[in-house]
PDB file of N, CA and C in Angstrom:
ATOM      1  N   UNK A   1       0.978  -1.428  -0.031  1.00  0.00           N
ATOM      2  CA  UNK A   1       0.168   0.062   0.002  1.00  0.00           C
ATOM      3  C   UNK A   1       1.392   1.431   0.188  1.00  0.00           C
ATOM      4  N   UNK A   2       0.161   1.845  -0.647  1.00  0.00           N
ATOM      5  CA  UNK A   2       1.611   3.841  -0.829  1.00  0.00           C
ATOM      6  C   UNK A   2       1.054   4.581   0.361  1.00  0.00           C
ATOM      7  N   UNK A   3       2.109   4.869   0.812  1.00  0.00           N
ATOM      8  CA  UNK A   3       1.770   6.219   1.702  1.00  0.00           C
ATOM      9  C   UNK A   3       1.275   7.486   0.757  1.00  0.00           C
ATOM     10  N   UNK A   4       0.400   7.917   1.140  1.00  0.00           N
ATOM     11  CA  UNK A   4       0.240   9.659   0.374  1.00  0.00           C
ATOM     12  C   UNK A   4       0.749  10.873   1.293  1.00  0.00           C
ATOM     13  N   UNK A   5       1.105  11.775   1.307  1.00  0.00           N
ATOM     14  CA  UNK A   5       1.998  12.820   1.843  1.00  0.00           C
ATOM     15  C   UNK A   5       1.261  14.120   1.070  1.00  0.00           C
ATOM     16  N   UNK A   6       0.384  15.058   1.588  1.00  0.00           N
ATOM     17  CA  UNK A   6      -0.191  15.869   1.162  1.00  0.00           C
ATOM     18  C   UNK A   6      -0.192  17.500   1.880  1.00  0.00           C
ATOM     19  N   UNK A   7      -0.518  17.828   1.106  1.00  0.00           N
ATOM     20  CA  UNK A   7      -0.929  19.231   1.382  1.00  0.00           C
ATOM     21  C   UNK A   7      -2.398  20.175   0.740  1.00  0.00           C
ATOM     22  N   UNK A   8      -2.722  21.005   1.931  1.00  0.00           N
ATOM     23  CA  UNK A   8      -4.251  21.139   1.404  1.00  0.00           C
ATOM     24  C   UNK A   8      -4.331  23.161   1.031  1.00  0.00           C
ATOM     25  N   UNK A   9      -5.061  23.444  -0.123  1.00  0.00           N
ATOM     26  CA  UNK A   9      -4.426  24.726  -0.022  1.00  0.00           C
ATOM     27  C   UNK A   9      -6.184  25.404  -0.325  1.00  0.00           C
ATOM     28  N   UNK A  10      -7.012  26.022   0.607  1.00  0.00           N
ATOM     29  CA  UNK A  10      -8.035  26.815   0.245  1.00  0.00           C
ATOM     30  C   UNK A  10      -8.310  27.764  -0.054  1.00  0.00           C
ATOM     31  N   UNK A  11      -8.914  28.432  -1.455  1.00  0.00           N
ATOM     32  CA  UNK A  11      -9.336  29.247  -1.802  1.00  0.00           C
ATOM     33  C   UNK A  11     -11.099  30.163  -0.404  1.00  0.00           C
ATOM     34  N   UNK A  12     -10.426  31.008  -0.060  1.00  0.00           N
ATOM     35  CA  UNK A  12     -11.748  31.602   0.909  1.00  0.00           C
ATOM     36  C   UNK A  12     -12.673  32.023  -0.131  1.00  0.00           C
ATOM     37  N   UNK A  13     -12.589  32.402  -1.119  1.00  0.00           N
ATOM     38  CA  UNK A  13     -13.508  32.973  -2.295  1.00  0.00           C
ATOM     39  C   UNK A  13     -14.226  31.863  -2.772  1.00  0.00           C
ATOM     40  N   UNK A  14     -13.994  30.911  -3.027  1.00  0.00           N
ATOM     41  CA  UNK A  14     -14.969  29.704  -3.974  1.00  0.00           C
ATOM     42  C   UNK A  14     -14.814  28.512  -3.057  1.00  0.00           C
ATOM     43  N   UNK A  15     -14.308  28.422  -1.497  1.00  0.00           N
ATOM     44  CA  UNK A  15     -14.923  27.138  -0.946  1.00  0.00           C
ATOM     45  C   UNK A  15     -14.099  26.506  -0.825  1.00  0.00           C
ATOM     46  N   UNK A  16     -13.128  26.046  -2.279  1.00  0.00           N
ATOM     47  CA  UNK A  16     -12.225  25.075  -3.025  1.00  0.00           C
ATOM     48  C   UNK A  16     -11.012  24.678  -2.416  1.00  0.00           C
ATOM     49  N   UNK A  17     -10.679  23.597  -2.128  1.00  0.00           N
ATOM     50  CA  UNK A  17     -10.076  23.174  -1.040  1.00  0.00           C
ATOM     51  C   UNK A  17      -8.675  21.961  -2.685  1.00  0.00           C
ATOM     52  N   UNK A  18      -8.008  22.808  -2.786  1.00  0.00           N
ATOM     53  CA  UNK A  18      -6.796  22.047  -3.917  1.00  0.00           C
ATOM     54  C   UNK A  18      -5.801  21.117  -3.494  1.00  0.00           C
ATOM     55  N   UNK A  19      -6.181  20.424  -4.114  1.00  0.00           N
ATOM     56  CA  UNK A  19      -4.442  18.909  -3.043  1.00  0.00           C
ATOM     57  C   UNK A  19      -2.912  19.136  -3.769  1.00  0.00           C
ATOM     58  N   UNK A  20      -2.220  18.396  -3.297  1.00  0.00           N
ATOM     59  CA  UNK A  20      -0.938  18.381  -3.542  1.00  0.00           C
ATOM     60  C   UNK A  20      -0.383  17.430  -2.886  1.00  0.00           C
ATOM     61  N   UNK A  21      -0.734  16.388  -3.667  1.00  0.00           N
ATOM     62  CA  UNK A  21      -0.423  15.170  -3.017  1.00  0.00           C
ATOM     63  C   UNK A  21       1.465  14.401  -3.962  1.00  0.00           C
ATOM     64  N   UNK A  22       1.771  13.711  -2.764  1.00  0.00           N
ATOM     65  CA  UNK A  22       2.493  13.346  -3.141  1.00  0.00           C
ATOM     66  C   UNK A  22       2.764  11.674  -3.021  1.00  0.00           C
ATOM     67  N   UNK A  23       3.266  10.557  -3.758  1.00  0.00           N
ATOM     68  CA  UNK A  23       2.902  10.786  -5.256  1.00  0.00           C
ATOM     69  C   UNK A  23       2.070  11.058  -5.479  1.00  0.00           C
ATOM     70  N   UNK A  24       1.587  10.949  -6.431  1.00  0.00           N
ATOM     71  CA  UNK A  24       0.670  11.901  -7.220  1.00  0.00           C
ATOM     72  C   UNK A  24      -0.344  10.919  -8.008  1.00  0.00           C
ATOM     73  N   UNK A  25      -1.594  10.397  -7.259  1.00  0.00           N
ATOM     74  CA  UNK A  25      -2.037   9.331  -7.534  1.00  0.00           C
ATOM     75  C   UNK A  25      -2.552   9.302  -9.184  1.00  0.00           C
ATOM     76  N   UNK A  26      -2.067   8.289  -9.373  1.00  0.00           N
ATOM     77  CA  UNK A  26      -3.296   8.299 -11.200  1.00  0.00           C
ATOM     78  C   UNK A  26      -4.236   7.823 -10.752  1.00  0.00           C
ATOM     79  N   UNK A  27      -5.088   7.138 -12.352  1.00  0.00           N
ATOM     80  CA  UNK A  27      -6.536   6.656 -12.291  1.00  0.00           C
ATOM     81  C   UNK A  27      -6.651   5.672 -11.400  1.00  0.00           C
ATOM     82  N   UNK A  28      -5.684   4.862 -11.112  1.00  0.00           N
ATOM     83  CA  UNK A  28      -5.594   3.323 -10.371  1.00  0.00           C
ATOM     84  C   UNK A  28      -5.695   3.584  -8.996  1.00  0.00           C
ATOM     85  N   UNK A  29      -4.681   4.444  -8.648  1.00  0.00           N
ATOM     86  CA  UNK A  29      -4.368   4.229  -7.354  1.00  0.00           C
ATOM     87  C   UNK A  29      -5.612   5.809  -6.065  1.00  0.00           C
ATOM     88  N   UNK A  30      -6.359   6.008  -6.837  1.00  0.00           N
ATOM     89  CA  UNK A  30      -7.568   7.313  -6.422  1.00  0.00           C
ATOM     90  C   UNK A  30      -8.168   6.647  -5.676  1.00  0.00           C
ATOM     91  N   UNK A  31      -8.935   5.283  -6.060  1.00  0.00           N
ATOM     92  CA  UNK A  31      -9.325   4.943  -4.380  1.00  0.00           C
ATOM     93  C   UNK A  31      -8.417   4.606  -2.865  1.00  0.00           C
ATOM     94  N   UNK A  32      -7.669   4.362  -3.204  1.00  0.00           N
ATOM     95  CA  UNK A  32      -6.690   3.666  -2.405  1.00  0.00           C
ATOM     96  C   UNK A  32      -5.917   5.413  -1.536  1.00  0.00           C
ATOM     97  N   UNK A  33      -5.696   6.821  -2.179  1.00  0.00           N
ATOM     98  CA  UNK A  33      -5.679   7.935  -2.192  1.00  0.00           C
ATOM     99  C   UNK A  33      -6.381   8.555  -1.364  1.00  0.00           C
ATOM    100  N   UNK A  34      -8.027   7.966  -1.381  1.00  0.00           N
ATOM    101  CA  UNK A  34      -9.149   8.430  -1.220  1.00  0.00           C
ATOM    102  C   UNK A  34      -9.457   7.954   0.200  1.00  0.00           C
ATOM    103  N   UNK A  35      -9.316   6.751   0.434  1.00  0.00           N
ATOM    104  CA  UNK A  35      -9.314   5.588   1.946  1.00  0.00           C
ATOM    105  C   UNK A  35      -7.931   6.285   3.169  1.00  0.00           C
ATOM    106  N   UNK A  36      -7.319   6.530   2.703  1.00  0.00           N
ATOM    107  CA  UNK A  36      -6.185   7.142   3.446  1.00  0.00           C
ATOM    108  C   UNK A  36      -6.515   8.571   3.462  1.00  0.00           C
ATOM    109  N   UNK A  37      -6.992   9.332   2.831  1.00  0.00           N
ATOM    110  CA  UNK A  37      -7.572  10.690   2.971  1.00  0.00           C
ATOM    111  C   UNK A  37      -8.726  10.712   4.181  1.00  0.00           C
ATOM    112  N   UNK A  38      -9.766   9.886   3.617  1.00  0.00           N
ATOM    113  CA  UNK A  38     -10.750   9.827   4.592  1.00  0.00           C
ATOM    114  C   UNK A  38     -10.408   9.667   6.105  1.00  0.00           C
ATOM    115  N   UNK A  39      -9.558   8.265   6.135  1.00  0.00           N
ATOM    116  CA  UNK A  39      -9.002   8.030   7.292  1.00  0.00           C
ATOM    117  C   UNK A  39      -8.153   8.908   8.136  1.00  0.00           C
ATOM    118  N   UNK A  40      -7.434   9.657   6.980  1.00  0.00           N
ATOM    119  CA  UNK A  40      -6.094  10.830   7.864  1.00  0.00           C
ATOM    120  C   UNK A  40      -7.106  11.622   8.769  1.00  0.00           C
ATOM    121  N   UNK A  41      -8.328  12.236   8.034  1.00  0.00           N
ATOM    122  CA  UNK A  41      -8.886  12.775   9.176  1.00  0.00           C
ATOM    123  C   UNK A  41     -10.400  12.733   9.107  1.00  0.00           C
ATOM    124  N   UNK A  42     -10.246  11.601   9.697  1.00  0.00           N
ATOM    125  CA  UNK A  42     -11.912  10.690  10.709  1.00  0.00           C
ATOM    126  C   UNK A  42     -12.907  11.466  10.035  1.00  0.00           C
ATOM    127  N   UNK A  43     -13.310  10.855   8.859  1.00  0.00           N
ATOM    128  CA  UNK A  43     -14.235  10.529   7.968  1.00  0.00           C
ATOM    129  C   UNK A  43     -15.387  10.294   8.156  1.00  0.00           C
ATOM    130  N   UNK A  44     -16.301  10.304   7.750  1.00  0.00           N
ATOM    131  CA  UNK A  44     -17.033   9.674   7.181  1.00  0.00           C
ATOM    132  C   UNK A  44     -17.556   9.200   5.438  1.00  0.00           C
ATOM    133  N   UNK A  45     -17.674   8.666   4.722  1.00  0.00           N
ATOM    134  CA  UNK A  45     -17.762   7.672   3.716  1.00  0.00           C
ATOM    135  C   UNK A  45     -18.902   7.746   3.457  1.00  0.00           C
ATOM    136  N   UNK A  46     -19.765   9.207   2.639  1.00  0.00           N
ATOM    137  CA  UNK A  46     -21.606   8.681   2.564  1.00  0.00           C
ATOM    138  C   UNK A  46     -21.918   8.262   1.166  1.00  0.00           C
ATOM    139  N   UNK A  47     -20.984   8.349   0.268  1.00  0.00           N
ATOM    140  CA  UNK A  47     -21.185   7.783  -0.916  1.00  0.00           C
ATOM    141  C   UNK A  47     -19.676   7.893  -2.338  1.00  0.00           C
ATOM    142  N   UNK A  48     -19.917   6.956  -2.409  1.00  0.00           N
ATOM    143  CA  UNK A  48     -18.382   6.451  -3.627  1.00  0.00           C
ATOM    144  C   UNK A  48     -19.397   6.983  -5.177  1.00  0.00           C
ATOM    145  N   UNK A  49     -18.629   7.658  -6.135  1.00  0.00           N
ATOM    146  CA  UNK A  49     -18.729   7.393  -7.662  1.00  0.00           C
ATOM    147  C   UNK A  49     -17.171   7.408  -8.324  1.00  0.00           C
ATOM    148  N   UNK A  50     -17.148   6.208  -8.923  1.00  0.00           N
ATOM    149  CA  UNK A  50     -15.740   6.509  -9.646  1.00  0.00           C
ATOM    150  C   UNK A  50     -16.199   6.248 -11.264  1.00  0.00           C
ATOM    151  N   UNK A  51     -16.438   7.278 -12.246  1.00  0.00           N
ATOM    152  CA  UNK A  51     -16.811   7.574 -13.110  1.00  0.00           C
ATOM    153  C   UNK A  51     -15.528   7.028 -14.356  1.00  0.00           C
ATOM    154  N   UNK A  52     -15.816   7.328 -15.740  1.00  0.00           N
ATOM    155  CA  UNK A  52     -15.646   7.368 -16.739  1.00  0.00           C
ATOM    156  C   UNK A  52     -14.079   8.732 -16.253  1.00  0.00           C
ATOM    157  N   UNK A  53     -15.047   9.402 -16.344  1.00  0.00           N
ATOM    158  CA  UNK A  53     -13.766  10.738 -15.911  1.00  0.00           C
ATOM    159  C   UNK A  53     -13.614  11.887 -15.259  1.00  0.00           C
ATOM    160  N   UNK A  54     -14.073  11.002 -14.021  1.00  0.00           N
ATOM    161  CA  UNK A  54     -13.970  11.999 -12.692  1.00  0.00           C
ATOM    162  C   UNK A  54     -14.655  11.185 -11.796  1.00  0.00           C
ATOM    163  N   UNK A  55     -13.575  10.940 -10.206  1.00  0.00           N
ATOM    164  CA  UNK A  55     -13.726  10.512  -9.464  1.00  0.00           C
ATOM    165  C   UNK A  55     -14.164  11.182  -8.284  1.00  0.00           C
ATOM    166  N   UNK A  56     -15.618  10.618  -7.534  1.00  0.00           N
ATOM    167  CA  UNK A  56     -16.089  11.334  -6.206  1.00  0.00           C
ATOM    168  C   UNK A  56     -16.661  10.707  -5.258  1.00  0.00           C
ATOM    169  N   UNK A  57     -15.909  11.622  -4.380  1.00  0.00           N
ATOM    170  CA  UNK A  57     -16.114  10.506  -2.908  1.00  0.00           C
ATOM    171  C   UNK A  57     -16.387  11.657  -2.202  1.00  0.00           C
ATOM    172  N   UNK A  58     -17.841  11.374  -1.859  1.00  0.00           N
ATOM    173  CA  UNK A  58     -18.645  11.734  -0.424  1.00  0.00           C
ATOM    174  C   UNK A  58     -19.091  11.799   0.487  1.00  0.00           C
ATOM    175  N   UNK A  59     -18.036  12.536   1.118  1.00  0.00           N
ATOM    176  CA  UNK A  59     -17.821  12.703   2.792  1.00  0.00           C
ATOM    177  C   UNK A  59     -18.611  13.487   3.824  1.00  0.00           C
ATOM    178  N   UNK A  60     -18.464  13.448   5.378  1.00  0.00           N
ATOM    179  CA  UNK A  60     -19.203  13.897   6.353  1.00  0.00           C
ATOM    180  C   UNK A  60     -17.583  13.952   7.238  1.00  0.00           C
ATOM    181  N   UNK A  61     -17.409  14.691   7.990  1.00  0.00           N
ATOM    182  CA  UNK A  61     -16.787  15.365   8.412  1.00  0.00           C
ATOM    183  C   UNK A  61     -17.231  16.885   9.685  1.00  0.00           C
ATOM    184  N   UNK A  62     -17.323  16.145  10.566  1.00  0.00           N
ATOM    185  CA  UNK A  62     -17.639  17.235  11.880  1.00  0.00           C
ATOM    186  C   UNK A  62     -18.936  18.076  11.335  1.00  0.00           C
ATOM    187  N   UNK A  63     -19.879  17.154  10.830  1.00  0.00           N
ATOM    188  CA  UNK A  63     -20.976  18.119  10.548  1.00  0.00           C
ATOM    189  C   UNK A  63     -21.745  18.585   9.563  1.00  0.00           C
ATOM    190  N   UNK A  64     -20.152  18.793   8.351  1.00  0.00           N
ATOM    191  CA  UNK A  64     -20.554  19.348   7.059  1.00  0.00           C
ATOM    192  C   UNK A  64     -19.773  18.099   6.001  1.00  0.00           C
ATOM    193  N   UNK A  65     -20.610  18.793   4.830  1.00  0.00           N
ATOM    194  CA  UNK A  65     -20.593  17.356   3.716  1.00  0.00           C
ATOM    195  C   UNK A  65     -19.171  17.763   2.525  1.00  0.00           C
ATOM    196  N   UNK A  66     -18.667  17.456   2.156  1.00  0.00           N
ATOM    197  CA  UNK A  66     -17.698  17.224   1.849  1.00  0.00           C
ATOM    198  C   UNK A  66     -17.794  16.748  -0.029  1.00  0.00           C
ATOM    199  N   UNK A  67     -17.498  16.820  -1.357  1.00  0.00           N
ATOM    200  CA  UNK A  67     -17.070  15.862  -2.242  1.00  0.00           C
ATOM    201  C   UNK A  67     -15.388  16.162  -2.462  1.00  0.00           C
ATOM    202  N   UNK A  68     -14.414  14.843  -2.523  1.00  0.00           N
ATOM    203  CA  UNK A  68     -13.355  14.952  -2.861  1.00  0.00           C
ATOM    204  C   UNK A  68     -13.019  14.059  -3.957  1.00  0.00           C
ATOM    205  N   UNK A  69     -12.708  15.725  -4.857  1.00  0.00           N
ATOM    206  CA  UNK A  69     -12.906  14.889  -6.806  1.00  0.00           C
ATOM    207  C   UNK A  69     -11.428  14.807  -7.158  1.00  0.00           C
ATOM    208  N   UNK A  70     -11.734  13.831  -7.997  1.00  0.00           N
ATOM    209  CA  UNK A  70     -10.182  13.155  -8.986  1.00  0.00           C
ATOM    210  C   UNK A  70     -10.696  13.515 -10.404  1.00  0.00           C
ATOM    211  N   UNK A  71     -10.123  14.017 -10.983  1.00  0.00           N
ATOM    212  CA  UNK A  71     -10.373  14.132 -12.483  1.00  0.00           C
ATOM    213  C   UNK A  71      -9.024  14.051 -13.551  1.00  0.00           C
ATOM    214  N   UNK A  72      -9.479  13.303 -14.444  1.00  0.00           N
ATOM    215  CA  UNK A  72      -8.693  12.128 -14.664  1.00  0.00           C
ATOM    216  C   UNK A  72      -8.194  13.027 -15.932  1.00  0.00           C
ATOM    217  N   UNK A  73      -8.509  13.724 -17.095  1.00  0.00           N
ATOM    218  CA  UNK A  73      -8.159  14.478 -17.536  1.00  0.00           C
ATOM    219  C   UNK A  73      -6.716  15.150 -17.145  1.00  0.00           C
ATOM    220  N   UNK A  74      -6.896  16.117 -16.513  1.00  0.00           N
ATOM    221  CA  UNK A  74      -6.125  16.828 -16.044  1.00  0.00           C
ATOM    222  C   UNK A  74      -5.254  16.864 -14.655  1.00  0.00           C
ATOM    223  N   UNK A  75      -5.394  15.742 -14.109  1.00  0.00           N
ATOM    224  CA  UNK A  75      -5.020  14.855 -12.902  1.00  0.00           C
ATOM    225  C   UNK A  75      -5.479  15.542 -11.263  1.00  0.00           C
ATOM    226  N   UNK A  76      -6.237  16.080 -11.414  1.00  0.00           N
ATOM    227  CA  UNK A  76      -6.342  17.486 -10.128  1.00  0.00           C
ATOM    228  C   UNK A  76      -7.513  16.427  -9.420  1.00  0.00           C
ATOM    229  N   UNK A  77      -6.715  17.188  -8.751  1.00  0.00           N
ATOM    230  CA  UNK A  77      -7.285  16.799  -6.988  1.00  0.00           C
ATOM    231  C   UNK A  77      -7.950  17.801  -6.070  1.00  0.00           C
ATOM    232  N   UNK A  78      -9.118  18.107  -5.868  1.00  0.00           N
ATOM    233  CA  UNK A  78      -9.727  19.173  -4.801  1.00  0.00           C
ATOM    234  C   UNK A  78     -11.018  18.783  -4.404  1.00  0.00           C
ATOM    235  N   UNK A  79     -11.164  19.254  -3.320  1.00  0.00           N
ATOM    236  CA  UNK A  79     -12.011  19.568  -2.650  1.00  0.00           C
ATOM    237  C   UNK A  79     -13.617  20.512  -2.220  1.00  0.00           C
ATOM    238  N   UNK A  80     -14.931  20.280  -2.468  1.00  0.00           N
ATOM    239  CA  UNK A  80     -15.902  21.221  -2.141  1.00  0.00           C
ATOM    240  C   UNK A  80     -16.401  21.090  -0.649  1.00  0.00           C
ATOM    241  N   UNK A  81     -16.660  21.836  -0.446  1.00  0.00           N
ATOM    242  CA  UNK A  81     -17.743  22.411   0.235  1.00  0.00           C
ATOM    243  C   UNK A  81     -18.950  22.530   0.628  1.00  0.00           C
ATOM    244  N   UNK A  82     -19.827  21.025   0.342  1.00  0.00           N
ATOM    245  CA  UNK A  82     -21.647  21.158   0.145  1.00  0.00           C
ATOM    246  C   UNK A  82     -22.539  21.594   1.084  1.00  0.00           C
TER     247      UNK A  82
END
């Protein structure tokens, strides 16, 4: 199992948090990264959607809901507050 390290940068105007991850997860690694991230922050997964172009994990943390996204073509990872 790969151990990922990451940092978060939040844009206060958009409520979007960009993640910088090392090593960068690819399409096949994202499930593993998402599981580690959710466990690290102590969140509960509500739903997972692993699609053709984007993966999304809907999770809850401290009574708030978030979506963790991975977009295949740009290989971007970000979090949106719901």
